[in-house]
Amino acid sequence: MNIQFNQVLPVPLSSMKHSADSLWNSNVILEQGKKIVIEARSGRGKSTFIHLLFGIRKDYNGQILVDNKNLSQFTQKDLVDYRQNVLSVVFQDLQLFPYISVYENLKVKNDLTKHFSEDQLIEMLSRVGLADKINQPCGLLSMGQQQRVAIIRALCQSFTWIFMDEPFSHLDELNAEICMGLINEECEKNRAGWIITSLGMHLNYDYDKLIHI
């Protein structure tokens, strides 16, 4: 499922100058299965990009086409299906529930999707170094630990694309590589692609395309 940007420009960014190779005000196709880095300085619209694609912001000019269908014309039913089966997201603010445990944060979503078994969830937490934090409230974790929980939660569904807004900003290189390995494994199972927004630090992970905004 390709996603196409046709001359998209968020209204709040319309007064800024955008280069010829920018995603904004251009025609860009995000090809299914590709690994894409969206790079920009702060304030240039990385989080806006994620919010537009998730369908929670509509303050833009141009067209976003998802499988040749205009995202702005999606019905509520279309959006529900899109978010349940096509697109998974790790938001920059993570949107975890701070007063319930790590495992309960994962279970809230996984109970809806039935995507992983309990053993699989525990095994993933172990892989990212959180085996001893399963019963701890998320609000008591460090930001790096919370990012790892949010990444696993985003994997608790079928998807064609997973979008991640600076998902490794609080992780050291080793933990980022471990998380990237987990993401790539699930993308391969789903025949899916990923998009990561970045301030310019790509660490050591491979990607197919770099887009500036």
N, C-alpha and C. Protein backbone atom coordinates (compact mmCIF):
# COMPACT_ATOMS: atom_id res chain seq x y z
N MET A 1 0.84 -1.19 0.00
CA MET A 1 0.00 0.00 0.00
C MET A 1 0.89 1.25 0.00
N ASN A 2 0.94 1.93 -1.12
CA ASN A 2 1.73 3.15 -1.23
C ASN A 2 0.98 4.34 -0.63
N ILE A 3 1.75 5.31 -0.17
CA ILE A 3 1.18 6.57 0.32
C ILE A 3 1.81 7.69 -0.51
N GLN A 4 0.96 8.54 -1.06
CA GLN A 4 1.44 9.58 -1.96
C GLN A 4 1.12 10.97 -1.41
N PHE A 5 2.13 11.82 -1.40
CA PHE A 5 1.97 13.22 -1.03
C PHE A 5 1.96 14.05 -2.30
N ASN A 6 0.84 14.73 -2.55
CA ASN A 6 0.73 15.60 -3.71
C ASN A 6 0.64 17.05 -3.26
N GLN A 7 1.77 17.74 -3.32
CA GLN A 7 1.82 19.17 -2.99
C GLN A 7 1.24 19.45 -1.60
N VAL A 8 1.55 18.60 -0.64
CA VAL A 8 1.05 18.76 0.72
C VAL A 8 1.86 19.84 1.44
N LEU A 9 1.16 20.75 2.09
CA LEU A 9 1.81 21.79 2.88
C LEU A 9 0.93 22.12 4.08
N PRO A 10 1.38 21.78 5.29
CA PRO A 10 0.60 22.12 6.48
C PRO A 10 0.44 23.64 6.60
N VAL A 11 -0.73 24.06 6.97
CA VAL A 11 -1.00 25.51 7.07
C VAL A 11 -0.03 26.20 8.03
N PRO A 12 0.28 25.63 9.22
CA PRO A 12 1.21 26.33 10.11
C PRO A 12 2.63 26.49 9.56
N LEU A 13 2.97 25.71 8.52
CA LEU A 13 4.31 25.79 7.94
C LEU A 13 4.33 26.56 6.62
N SER A 14 3.21 27.14 6.25
CA SER A 14 3.11 27.76 4.93
C SER A 14 3.93 29.04 4.81
N SER A 15 4.27 29.66 5.92
CA SER A 15 5.07 30.90 5.86
C SER A 15 6.58 30.61 5.79
N MET A 16 6.98 29.36 5.98
CA MET A 16 8.39 28.99 5.92
C MET A 16 8.83 28.72 4.49
N LYS A 17 10.10 28.89 4.24
CA LYS A 17 10.68 28.50 2.96
C LYS A 17 11.04 27.02 3.01
N HIS A 18 10.71 26.31 1.94
CA HIS A 18 11.00 24.88 1.87
C HIS A 18 11.83 24.59 0.63
N SER A 19 12.90 23.81 0.81
CA SER A 19 13.82 23.53 -0.29
C SER A 19 13.16 22.64 -1.34
N ALA A 20 13.80 22.56 -2.48
CA ALA A 20 13.26 21.78 -3.59
C ALA A 20 13.17 20.29 -3.27
N ASP A 21 14.05 19.81 -2.37
CA ASP A 21 14.03 18.38 -2.03
C ASP A 21 13.20 18.09 -0.78
N SER A 22 12.44 19.07 -0.30
CA SER A 22 11.60 18.88 0.88
C SER A 22 10.37 18.04 0.54
N LEU A 23 9.90 17.31 1.54
CA LEU A 23 8.63 16.59 1.40
C LEU A 23 7.48 17.54 1.17
N TRP A 24 7.53 18.70 1.82
CA TRP A 24 6.44 19.66 1.74
C TRP A 24 6.42 20.34 0.38
N ASN A 25 5.21 20.50 -0.14
CA ASN A 25 4.97 21.19 -1.41
C ASN A 25 5.60 20.45 -2.59
N SER A 26 5.73 19.13 -2.46
CA SER A 26 6.32 18.31 -3.52
C SER A 26 5.41 17.11 -3.80
N ASN A 27 5.79 16.34 -4.79
CA ASN A 27 5.11 15.08 -5.08
C ASN A 27 6.04 13.94 -4.68
N VAL A 28 5.66 13.21 -3.64
CA VAL A 28 6.51 12.16 -3.08
C VAL A 28 5.67 10.90 -2.87
N ILE A 29 6.22 9.75 -3.26
CA ILE A 29 5.55 8.47 -3.03
C ILE A 29 6.34 7.67 -2.01
N LEU A 30 5.64 7.23 -0.96
CA LEU A 30 6.22 6.35 0.05
C LEU A 30 5.81 4.93 -0.34
N GLU A 31 6.78 4.15 -0.81
CA GLU A 31 6.49 2.84 -1.38
C GLU A 31 6.39 1.77 -0.30
N GLN A 32 5.37 0.94 -0.41
CA GLN A 32 5.15 -0.11 0.58
C GLN A 32 6.39 -0.98 0.75
N GLY A 33 6.69 -1.30 1.99
CA GLY A 33 7.80 -2.18 2.30
C GLY A 33 9.14 -1.49 2.44
N LYS A 34 9.20 -0.19 2.12
CA LYS A 34 10.46 0.54 2.19
C LYS A 34 10.75 1.01 3.61
N LYS A 35 12.03 1.21 3.87
CA LYS A 35 12.49 1.76 5.15
C LYS A 35 12.93 3.19 4.89
N ILE A 36 12.22 4.14 5.50
CA ILE A 36 12.38 5.54 5.15
C ILE A 36 12.69 6.38 6.38
N VAL A 37 13.67 7.25 6.26
CA VAL A 37 13.99 8.22 7.32
C VAL A 37 13.51 9.60 6.87
N ILE A 38 12.74 10.25 7.72
CA ILE A 38 12.31 11.63 7.50
C ILE A 38 13.16 12.51 8.40
N GLU A 39 13.98 13.36 7.80
CA GLU A 39 14.94 14.14 8.56
C GLU A 39 14.61 15.63 8.51
N ALA A 40 14.70 16.28 9.67
CA ALA A 40 14.44 17.72 9.72
C ALA A 40 14.93 18.29 11.05
N ARG A 41 15.17 19.59 11.05
CA ARG A 41 15.44 20.28 12.30
C ARG A 41 14.14 20.40 13.09
N SER A 42 14.27 20.76 14.36
CA SER A 42 13.08 20.97 15.19
C SER A 42 12.22 22.08 14.59
N GLY A 43 10.91 21.87 14.66
CA GLY A 43 9.99 22.90 14.20
C GLY A 43 9.69 22.88 12.72
N ARG A 44 10.20 21.86 12.00
CA ARG A 44 9.98 21.81 10.55
C ARG A 44 8.85 20.85 10.17
N GLY A 45 8.23 20.20 11.16
CA GLY A 45 7.03 19.44 10.86
C GLY A 45 7.14 17.93 10.92
N LYS A 46 8.12 17.40 11.66
CA LYS A 46 8.23 15.94 11.76
C LYS A 46 7.00 15.34 12.45
N SER A 47 6.63 15.89 13.59
CA SER A 47 5.45 15.37 14.30
C SER A 47 4.18 15.69 13.52
N THR A 48 4.14 16.84 12.87
CA THR A 48 2.99 17.18 12.03
C THR A 48 2.80 16.14 10.94
N PHE A 49 3.89 15.71 10.34
CA PHE A 49 3.85 14.67 9.31
C PHE A 49 3.16 13.41 9.84
N ILE A 50 3.56 12.96 11.03
CA ILE A 50 2.95 11.78 11.64
C ILE A 50 1.46 12.00 11.90
N HIS A 51 1.12 13.17 12.43
CA HIS A 51 -0.28 13.46 12.76
C HIS A 51 -1.15 13.55 11.52
N LEU A 52 -0.61 14.08 10.44
CA LEU A 52 -1.36 14.13 9.18
C LEU A 52 -1.66 12.73 8.69
N LEU A 53 -0.64 11.87 8.72
CA LEU A 53 -0.82 10.52 8.20
C LEU A 53 -1.74 9.68 9.07
N PHE A 54 -1.79 9.99 10.36
CA PHE A 54 -2.70 9.26 11.25
C PHE A 54 -4.13 9.78 11.12
N GLY A 55 -4.30 10.90 10.47
CA GLY A 55 -5.63 11.45 10.24
C GLY A 55 -6.18 12.26 11.40
N ILE A 56 -5.30 12.73 12.30
CA ILE A 56 -5.77 13.53 13.43
C ILE A 56 -5.57 15.03 13.20
N ARG A 57 -4.91 15.37 12.10
CA ARG A 57 -4.81 16.78 11.69
C ARG A 57 -5.22 16.89 10.24
N LYS A 58 -5.99 17.92 9.95
CA LYS A 58 -6.48 18.13 8.59
C LYS A 58 -6.17 19.54 8.09
N ASP A 59 -5.30 20.26 8.82
CA ASP A 59 -5.00 21.65 8.47
C ASP A 59 -3.84 21.70 7.47
N TYR A 60 -4.11 21.23 6.25
CA TYR A 60 -3.08 21.23 5.22
C TYR A 60 -3.70 21.43 3.84
N ASN A 61 -2.88 21.89 2.93
CA ASN A 61 -3.27 21.99 1.53
C ASN A 61 -2.65 20.81 0.78
N GLY A 62 -3.22 20.47 -0.38
CA GLY A 62 -2.73 19.34 -1.15
C GLY A 62 -3.47 18.06 -0.82
N GLN A 63 -2.94 16.94 -1.29
CA GLN A 63 -3.60 15.65 -1.11
C GLN A 63 -2.64 14.61 -0.54
N ILE A 64 -3.18 13.82 0.39
CA ILE A 64 -2.49 12.62 0.85
C ILE A 64 -3.32 11.43 0.38
N LEU A 65 -2.73 10.61 -0.48
CA LEU A 65 -3.44 9.47 -1.04
C LEU A 65 -2.91 8.18 -0.42
N VAL A 66 -3.80 7.40 0.15
CA VAL A 66 -3.45 6.10 0.72
C VAL A 66 -4.06 5.04 -0.18
N ASP A 67 -3.21 4.31 -0.89
CA ASP A 67 -3.69 3.34 -1.87
C ASP A 67 -4.65 4.01 -2.85
N ASN A 68 -4.25 5.21 -3.29
CA ASN A 68 -5.00 6.03 -4.25
C ASN A 68 -6.32 6.58 -3.72
N LYS A 69 -6.54 6.49 -2.41
CA LYS A 69 -7.75 7.06 -1.80
C LYS A 69 -7.36 8.28 -0.98
N ASN A 70 -8.12 9.36 -1.13
CA ASN A 70 -7.82 10.61 -0.45
C ASN A 70 -8.08 10.48 1.04
N LEU A 71 -7.02 10.63 1.83
CA LEU A 71 -7.14 10.45 3.28
C LEU A 71 -8.14 11.43 3.89
N SER A 72 -8.24 12.63 3.35
CA SER A 72 -9.15 13.63 3.92
C SER A 72 -10.62 13.26 3.73
N GLN A 73 -10.88 12.30 2.84
CA GLN A 73 -12.25 11.87 2.58
C GLN A 73 -12.60 10.54 3.24
N PHE A 74 -11.69 10.03 4.06
CA PHE A 74 -11.98 8.79 4.78
C PHE A 74 -13.16 9.00 5.73
N THR A 75 -14.06 8.03 5.77
CA THR A 75 -15.13 8.03 6.76
C THR A 75 -14.55 7.59 8.10
N GLN A 76 -15.34 7.70 9.16
CA GLN A 76 -14.88 7.23 10.46
C GLN A 76 -14.56 5.74 10.42
N LYS A 77 -15.37 4.98 9.69
CA LYS A 77 -15.13 3.54 9.55
C LYS A 77 -13.82 3.29 8.80
N ASP A 78 -13.58 4.08 7.76
CA ASP A 78 -12.32 3.96 7.01
C ASP A 78 -11.12 4.20 7.92
N LEU A 79 -11.22 5.25 8.76
CA LEU A 79 -10.12 5.60 9.65
C LEU A 79 -9.87 4.50 10.68
N VAL A 80 -10.94 3.92 11.21
CA VAL A 80 -10.79 2.83 12.18
C VAL A 80 -10.06 1.65 11.55
N ASP A 81 -10.47 1.27 10.35
CA ASP A 81 -9.82 0.15 9.65
C ASP A 81 -8.36 0.48 9.34
N TYR A 82 -8.12 1.70 8.91
CA TYR A 82 -6.77 2.18 8.58
C TYR A 82 -5.84 2.09 9.78
N ARG A 83 -6.34 2.51 10.95
CA ARG A 83 -5.51 2.51 12.15
C ARG A 83 -5.38 1.13 12.77
N GLN A 84 -6.33 0.25 12.52
CA GLN A 84 -6.25 -1.10 13.09
C GLN A 84 -5.42 -2.05 12.24
N ASN A 85 -5.41 -1.83 10.93
CA ASN A 85 -4.82 -2.82 10.04
C ASN A 85 -3.71 -2.33 9.13
N VAL A 86 -3.61 -1.02 8.94
CA VAL A 86 -2.64 -0.48 7.99
C VAL A 86 -1.50 0.24 8.68
N LEU A 87 -1.84 1.11 9.61
CA LEU A 87 -0.85 2.02 10.17
C LEU A 87 -0.74 1.86 11.68
N SER A 88 0.49 1.65 12.15
CA SER A 88 0.76 1.68 13.58
C SER A 88 1.74 2.82 13.83
N VAL A 89 1.65 3.43 15.02
CA VAL A 89 2.41 4.65 15.28
C VAL A 89 3.05 4.61 16.67
N VAL A 90 4.28 5.11 16.73
CA VAL A 90 4.89 5.47 18.00
C VAL A 90 4.99 6.99 18.01
N PHE A 91 4.11 7.62 18.79
CA PHE A 91 4.10 9.08 18.87
C PHE A 91 5.29 9.57 19.70
N GLN A 92 5.69 10.80 19.46
CA GLN A 92 6.82 11.35 20.20
C GLN A 92 6.53 11.44 21.69
N ASP A 93 5.27 11.72 22.06
CA ASP A 93 4.91 11.79 23.48
C ASP A 93 4.51 10.42 24.04
N LEU A 94 4.62 9.37 23.22
CA LEU A 94 4.46 7.96 23.57
C LEU A 94 3.03 7.56 23.91
N GLN A 95 2.29 8.40 24.63
CA GLN A 95 0.87 8.15 24.95
C GLN A 95 0.68 6.83 25.69
N LEU A 96 1.55 6.57 26.63
CA LEU A 96 1.36 5.44 27.53
C LEU A 96 0.46 5.84 28.69
N PHE A 97 -0.11 4.85 29.36
CA PHE A 97 -0.91 5.10 30.56
C PHE A 97 0.05 5.04 31.76
N PRO A 98 0.31 6.17 32.44
CA PRO A 98 1.38 6.20 33.45
C PRO A 98 1.08 5.44 34.73
N TYR A 99 -0.21 5.25 35.06
CA TYR A 99 -0.54 4.68 36.36
C TYR A 99 -0.77 3.18 36.33
N ILE A 100 -0.67 2.57 35.16
CA ILE A 100 -0.79 1.11 35.10
C ILE A 100 0.56 0.53 34.68
N SER A 101 0.71 -0.76 34.86
CA SER A 101 2.02 -1.38 34.70
C SER A 101 2.44 -1.47 33.23
N VAL A 102 3.70 -1.78 33.05
CA VAL A 102 4.25 -2.00 31.71
C VAL A 102 3.44 -3.07 30.98
N TYR A 103 3.24 -4.20 31.64
CA TYR A 103 2.51 -5.29 30.99
C TYR A 103 1.06 -4.89 30.69
N GLU A 104 0.43 -4.17 31.60
CA GLU A 104 -0.96 -3.74 31.37
C GLU A 104 -1.06 -2.77 30.21
N ASN A 105 -0.05 -1.91 30.02
CA ASN A 105 -0.04 -1.02 28.87
C ASN A 105 -0.03 -1.81 27.56
N LEU A 106 0.72 -2.90 27.53
CA LEU A 106 0.74 -3.73 26.33
C LEU A 106 -0.56 -4.51 26.19
N LYS A 107 -1.07 -4.99 27.31
CA LYS A 107 -2.26 -5.84 27.29
C LYS A 107 -3.50 -5.07 26.84
N VAL A 108 -3.59 -3.79 27.17
CA VAL A 108 -4.73 -2.98 26.75
C VAL A 108 -4.91 -3.06 25.23
N LYS A 109 -3.80 -2.97 24.52
CA LYS A 109 -3.89 -3.05 23.05
C LYS A 109 -3.96 -4.49 22.56
N ASN A 110 -3.13 -5.34 23.13
CA ASN A 110 -3.06 -6.72 22.64
C ASN A 110 -4.36 -7.48 22.88
N ASP A 111 -5.11 -7.12 23.91
CA ASP A 111 -6.41 -7.75 24.15
C ASP A 111 -7.38 -7.44 23.01
N LEU A 112 -7.21 -6.29 22.38
CA LEU A 112 -8.08 -5.91 21.25
C LEU A 112 -7.68 -6.63 19.97
N THR A 113 -6.37 -6.78 19.78
CA THR A 113 -5.88 -7.34 18.51
C THR A 113 -5.61 -8.83 18.54
N LYS A 114 -5.35 -9.37 19.74
CA LYS A 114 -4.97 -10.79 19.89
C LYS A 114 -3.74 -11.11 19.03
N HIS A 115 -2.84 -10.17 18.92
CA HIS A 115 -1.72 -10.31 17.99
C HIS A 115 -0.61 -11.18 18.56
N PHE A 116 -0.31 -11.04 19.84
CA PHE A 116 0.75 -11.82 20.48
C PHE A 116 0.19 -12.63 21.65
N SER A 117 0.87 -13.70 21.98
CA SER A 117 0.55 -14.43 23.21
C SER A 117 1.23 -13.74 24.38
N GLU A 118 0.83 -14.11 25.59
CA GLU A 118 1.46 -13.56 26.79
C GLU A 118 2.95 -13.86 26.80
N ASP A 119 3.32 -15.08 26.42
CA ASP A 119 4.73 -15.46 26.40
C ASP A 119 5.52 -14.62 25.40
N GLN A 120 4.91 -14.30 24.27
CA GLN A 120 5.60 -13.49 23.27
C GLN A 120 5.84 -12.07 23.78
N LEU A 121 4.84 -11.51 24.47
CA LEU A 121 5.00 -10.16 25.02
C LEU A 121 6.13 -10.14 26.06
N ILE A 122 6.15 -11.13 26.92
CA ILE A 122 7.19 -11.19 27.96
C ILE A 122 8.57 -11.39 27.32
N GLU A 123 8.62 -12.19 26.26
CA GLU A 123 9.89 -12.43 25.58
C GLU A 123 10.41 -11.13 24.93
N MET A 124 9.51 -10.34 24.36
CA MET A 124 9.93 -9.07 23.76
C MET A 124 10.41 -8.09 24.82
N LEU A 125 9.72 -8.04 25.94
CA LEU A 125 10.17 -7.18 27.03
C LEU A 125 11.55 -7.60 27.52
N SER A 126 11.78 -8.89 27.56
CA SER A 126 13.08 -9.39 27.96
C SER A 126 14.16 -8.97 26.97
N ARG A 127 13.85 -9.05 25.70
CA ARG A 127 14.83 -8.70 24.66
C ARG A 127 15.27 -7.24 24.75
N VAL A 128 14.32 -6.36 25.15
CA VAL A 128 14.68 -4.94 25.23
C VAL A 128 15.10 -4.53 26.64
N GLY A 129 15.35 -5.53 27.49
CA GLY A 129 15.90 -5.25 28.81
C GLY A 129 14.92 -4.78 29.85
N LEU A 130 13.65 -5.16 29.70
CA LEU A 130 12.62 -4.71 30.65
C LEU A 130 11.93 -5.85 31.38
N ALA A 131 12.57 -7.00 31.42
CA ALA A 131 11.95 -8.16 32.07
C ALA A 131 11.65 -7.90 33.54
N ASP A 132 12.48 -7.08 34.18
CA ASP A 132 12.29 -6.81 35.61
C ASP A 132 11.35 -5.62 35.86
N LYS A 133 10.78 -5.06 34.77
CA LYS A 133 9.90 -3.89 34.91
C LYS A 133 8.45 -4.21 34.55
N ILE A 134 8.14 -5.48 34.36
CA ILE A 134 6.82 -5.87 33.86
C ILE A 134 5.68 -5.32 34.71
N ASN A 135 5.84 -5.36 36.03
CA ASN A 135 4.76 -4.95 36.93
C ASN A 135 4.91 -3.52 37.45
N GLN A 136 5.86 -2.79 36.93
CA GLN A 136 6.09 -1.42 37.38
C GLN A 136 5.24 -0.44 36.60
N PRO A 137 4.63 0.55 37.26
CA PRO A 137 3.86 1.57 36.53
C PRO A 137 4.73 2.29 35.52
N CYS A 138 4.19 2.53 34.33
CA CYS A 138 4.98 3.16 33.27
C CYS A 138 5.47 4.55 33.65
N GLY A 139 4.69 5.24 34.47
CA GLY A 139 5.07 6.59 34.86
C GLY A 139 6.33 6.65 35.69
N LEU A 140 6.77 5.51 36.24
CA LEU A 140 7.99 5.47 37.05
C LEU A 140 9.22 5.08 36.24
N LEU A 141 9.04 4.79 34.98
CA LEU A 141 10.16 4.40 34.13
C LEU A 141 10.89 5.62 33.61
N SER A 142 12.14 5.42 33.21
CA SER A 142 12.87 6.47 32.51
C SER A 142 12.26 6.65 31.13
N MET A 143 12.60 7.76 30.45
CA MET A 143 12.06 8.00 29.12
C MET A 143 12.54 6.92 28.14
N GLY A 144 13.78 6.49 28.28
CA GLY A 144 14.27 5.44 27.40
C GLY A 144 13.52 4.14 27.59
N GLN A 145 13.20 3.80 28.83
CA GLN A 145 12.42 2.59 29.10
C GLN A 145 11.01 2.73 28.54
N GLN A 146 10.42 3.91 28.71
CA GLN A 146 9.08 4.14 28.16
C GLN A 146 9.06 4.03 26.64
N GLN A 147 10.11 4.51 25.99
CA GLN A 147 10.18 4.39 24.54
C GLN A 147 10.17 2.94 24.11
N ARG A 148 10.87 2.08 24.85
CA ARG A 148 10.89 0.66 24.51
C ARG A 148 9.52 0.03 24.67
N VAL A 149 8.79 0.42 25.73
CA VAL A 149 7.43 -0.10 25.92
C VAL A 149 6.53 0.36 24.77
N ALA A 150 6.63 1.63 24.39
CA ALA A 150 5.79 2.17 23.31
C ALA A 150 6.08 1.48 21.98
N ILE A 151 7.33 1.14 21.73
CA ILE A 151 7.68 0.44 20.50
C ILE A 151 7.04 -0.95 20.47
N ILE A 152 7.13 -1.69 21.58
CA ILE A 152 6.52 -3.02 21.62
C ILE A 152 5.00 -2.90 21.46
N ARG A 153 4.40 -1.92 22.13
CA ARG A 153 2.94 -1.75 22.01
C ARG A 153 2.54 -1.49 20.56
N ALA A 154 3.33 -0.70 19.83
CA ALA A 154 3.01 -0.41 18.43
C ALA A 154 3.07 -1.66 17.56
N LEU A 155 3.85 -2.65 17.99
CA LEU A 155 3.96 -3.89 17.23
C LEU A 155 2.82 -4.86 17.50
N CYS A 156 1.96 -4.53 18.47
CA CYS A 156 0.86 -5.42 18.88
C CYS A 156 -0.34 -5.32 17.95
N GLN A 157 -0.11 -5.33 16.65
CA GLN A 157 -1.20 -5.30 15.68
C GLN A 157 -0.63 -5.64 14.30
N SER A 158 -1.52 -5.98 13.38
CA SER A 158 -1.12 -6.10 11.99
C SER A 158 -0.93 -4.70 11.41
N PHE A 159 0.01 -4.54 10.51
CA PHE A 159 0.22 -3.23 9.90
C PHE A 159 0.93 -3.39 8.56
N THR A 160 0.72 -2.39 7.71
CA THR A 160 1.46 -2.27 6.46
C THR A 160 2.58 -1.26 6.61
N TRP A 161 2.35 -0.29 7.49
CA TRP A 161 3.35 0.73 7.80
C TRP A 161 3.42 0.92 9.30
N ILE A 162 4.62 1.15 9.82
CA ILE A 162 4.77 1.61 11.19
C ILE A 162 5.55 2.91 11.15
N PHE A 163 4.95 3.97 11.71
CA PHE A 163 5.56 5.29 11.73
C PHE A 163 6.02 5.58 13.15
N MET A 164 7.25 6.08 13.28
CA MET A 164 7.83 6.30 14.60
C MET A 164 8.47 7.68 14.65
N ASP A 165 8.01 8.47 15.60
CA ASP A 165 8.45 9.87 15.72
C ASP A 165 9.58 9.97 16.73
N GLU A 166 10.81 10.04 16.24
CA GLU A 166 12.02 10.08 17.06
C GLU A 166 11.97 9.01 18.16
N PRO A 167 11.81 7.74 17.78
CA PRO A 167 11.58 6.68 18.78
C PRO A 167 12.79 6.32 19.62
N PHE A 168 14.00 6.71 19.18
CA PHE A 168 15.22 6.32 19.89
C PHE A 168 15.91 7.50 20.55
N SER A 169 15.20 8.60 20.70
CA SER A 169 15.84 9.83 21.17
C SER A 169 16.43 9.72 22.57
N HIS A 170 15.93 8.78 23.39
CA HIS A 170 16.44 8.60 24.75
C HIS A 170 17.15 7.25 24.93
N LEU A 171 17.50 6.61 23.81
CA LEU A 171 18.14 5.30 23.89
C LEU A 171 19.61 5.39 23.51
N ASP A 172 20.43 4.58 24.18
CA ASP A 172 21.81 4.45 23.76
C ASP A 172 21.85 3.60 22.49
N GLU A 173 23.02 3.55 21.88
CA GLU A 173 23.15 2.88 20.58
C GLU A 173 22.78 1.40 20.64
N LEU A 174 23.20 0.71 21.70
CA LEU A 174 22.91 -0.73 21.82
C LEU A 174 21.41 -0.98 21.90
N ASN A 175 20.71 -0.24 22.78
CA ASN A 175 19.27 -0.45 22.92
C ASN A 175 18.52 -0.06 21.65
N ALA A 176 18.99 0.97 20.96
CA ALA A 176 18.37 1.36 19.70
C ALA A 176 18.51 0.24 18.67
N GLU A 177 19.67 -0.39 18.63
CA GLU A 177 19.90 -1.49 17.68
C GLU A 177 19.02 -2.69 18.02
N ILE A 178 18.86 -2.98 19.31
CA ILE A 178 18.00 -4.10 19.72
C ILE A 178 16.55 -3.83 19.29
N CYS A 179 16.08 -2.62 19.55
CA CYS A 179 14.71 -2.25 19.16
C CYS A 179 14.54 -2.28 17.65
N MET A 180 15.55 -1.79 16.93
CA MET A 180 15.48 -1.79 15.47
C MET A 180 15.41 -3.21 14.94
N GLY A 181 16.12 -4.13 15.57
CA GLY A 181 16.06 -5.53 15.16
C GLY A 181 14.67 -6.10 15.34
N LEU A 182 14.03 -5.77 16.46
CA LEU A 182 12.68 -6.24 16.74
C LEU A 182 11.69 -5.66 15.72
N ILE A 183 11.82 -4.39 15.43
CA ILE A 183 10.95 -3.72 14.45
C ILE A 183 11.11 -4.36 13.07
N ASN A 184 12.35 -4.58 12.65
CA ASN A 184 12.58 -5.17 11.33
C ASN A 184 12.02 -6.59 11.23
N GLU A 185 12.10 -7.35 12.32
CA GLU A 185 11.54 -8.70 12.31
C GLU A 185 10.03 -8.67 12.09
N GLU A 186 9.35 -7.77 12.81
CA GLU A 186 7.89 -7.69 12.68
C GLU A 186 7.49 -7.12 11.32
N CYS A 187 8.28 -6.19 10.79
CA CYS A 187 8.00 -5.66 9.46
C CYS A 187 8.12 -6.76 8.41
N GLU A 188 9.13 -7.61 8.57
CA GLU A 188 9.30 -8.71 7.62
C GLU A 188 8.11 -9.66 7.68
N LYS A 189 7.63 -9.96 8.89
CA LYS A 189 6.47 -10.86 9.03
C LYS A 189 5.23 -10.25 8.37
N ASN A 190 5.08 -8.91 8.50
CA ASN A 190 3.90 -8.22 7.97
C ASN A 190 4.09 -7.74 6.53
N ARG A 191 5.29 -7.97 5.97
CA ARG A 191 5.64 -7.41 4.66
C ARG A 191 5.39 -5.91 4.65
N ALA A 192 5.83 -5.30 5.71
CA ALA A 192 5.54 -3.89 5.96
C ALA A 192 6.79 -3.04 5.85
N GLY A 193 6.58 -1.73 5.79
CA GLY A 193 7.67 -0.78 5.81
C GLY A 193 7.61 0.07 7.06
N TRP A 194 8.70 0.82 7.29
CA TRP A 194 8.68 1.75 8.43
C TRP A 194 9.16 3.11 8.00
N ILE A 195 8.71 4.11 8.77
CA ILE A 195 9.17 5.48 8.60
C ILE A 195 9.57 6.00 9.97
N ILE A 196 10.78 6.50 10.07
CA ILE A 196 11.30 7.05 11.32
C ILE A 196 11.64 8.52 11.09
N THR A 197 11.13 9.39 11.95
CA THR A 197 11.55 10.79 11.89
C THR A 197 12.81 10.96 12.73
N SER A 198 13.66 11.88 12.29
CA SER A 198 14.96 12.02 12.93
C SER A 198 15.45 13.45 12.84
N LEU A 199 16.20 13.86 13.84
CA LEU A 199 16.88 15.15 13.80
C LEU A 199 18.19 15.07 13.02
N GLY A 200 18.54 13.87 12.59
CA GLY A 200 19.77 13.71 11.82
C GLY A 200 20.66 12.61 12.32
N MET A 201 20.27 11.94 13.42
CA MET A 201 21.07 10.84 13.96
C MET A 201 20.45 9.52 13.54
N HIS A 202 21.06 8.84 12.59
CA HIS A 202 20.50 7.61 12.05
C HIS A 202 21.06 6.37 12.72
N LEU A 203 22.01 6.57 13.63
CA LEU A 203 22.67 5.44 14.28
C LEU A 203 23.22 4.50 13.21
N ASN A 204 23.09 3.21 13.41
CA ASN A 204 23.69 2.28 12.45
C ASN A 204 22.65 1.46 11.69
N TYR A 205 21.38 1.89 11.70
CA TYR A 205 20.40 1.09 11.01
C TYR A 205 20.32 1.45 9.54
N ASP A 206 19.96 0.43 8.74
CA ASP A 206 19.88 0.59 7.30
C ASP A 206 18.52 1.15 6.91
N TYR A 207 18.50 1.92 5.86
CA TYR A 207 17.24 2.44 5.33
C TYR A 207 17.37 2.57 3.81
N ASP A 208 16.20 2.63 3.15
CA ASP A 208 16.18 2.67 1.69
C ASP A 208 16.15 4.10 1.15
N LYS A 209 15.59 5.02 1.94
CA LYS A 209 15.37 6.36 1.41
C LYS A 209 15.44 7.38 2.52
N LEU A 210 16.05 8.52 2.23
CA LEU A 210 16.12 9.65 3.16
C LEU A 210 15.36 10.81 2.54
N ILE A 211 14.39 11.34 3.30
CA ILE A 211 13.58 12.46 2.82
C ILE A 211 13.74 13.62 3.80
N HIS A 212 13.96 14.80 3.28
CA HIS A 212 14.07 16.00 4.11
C HIS A 212 12.73 16.73 4.16
N ILE A 213 12.49 17.39 5.29
CA ILE A 213 11.33 18.29 5.37
C ILE A 213 11.78 19.60 6.02
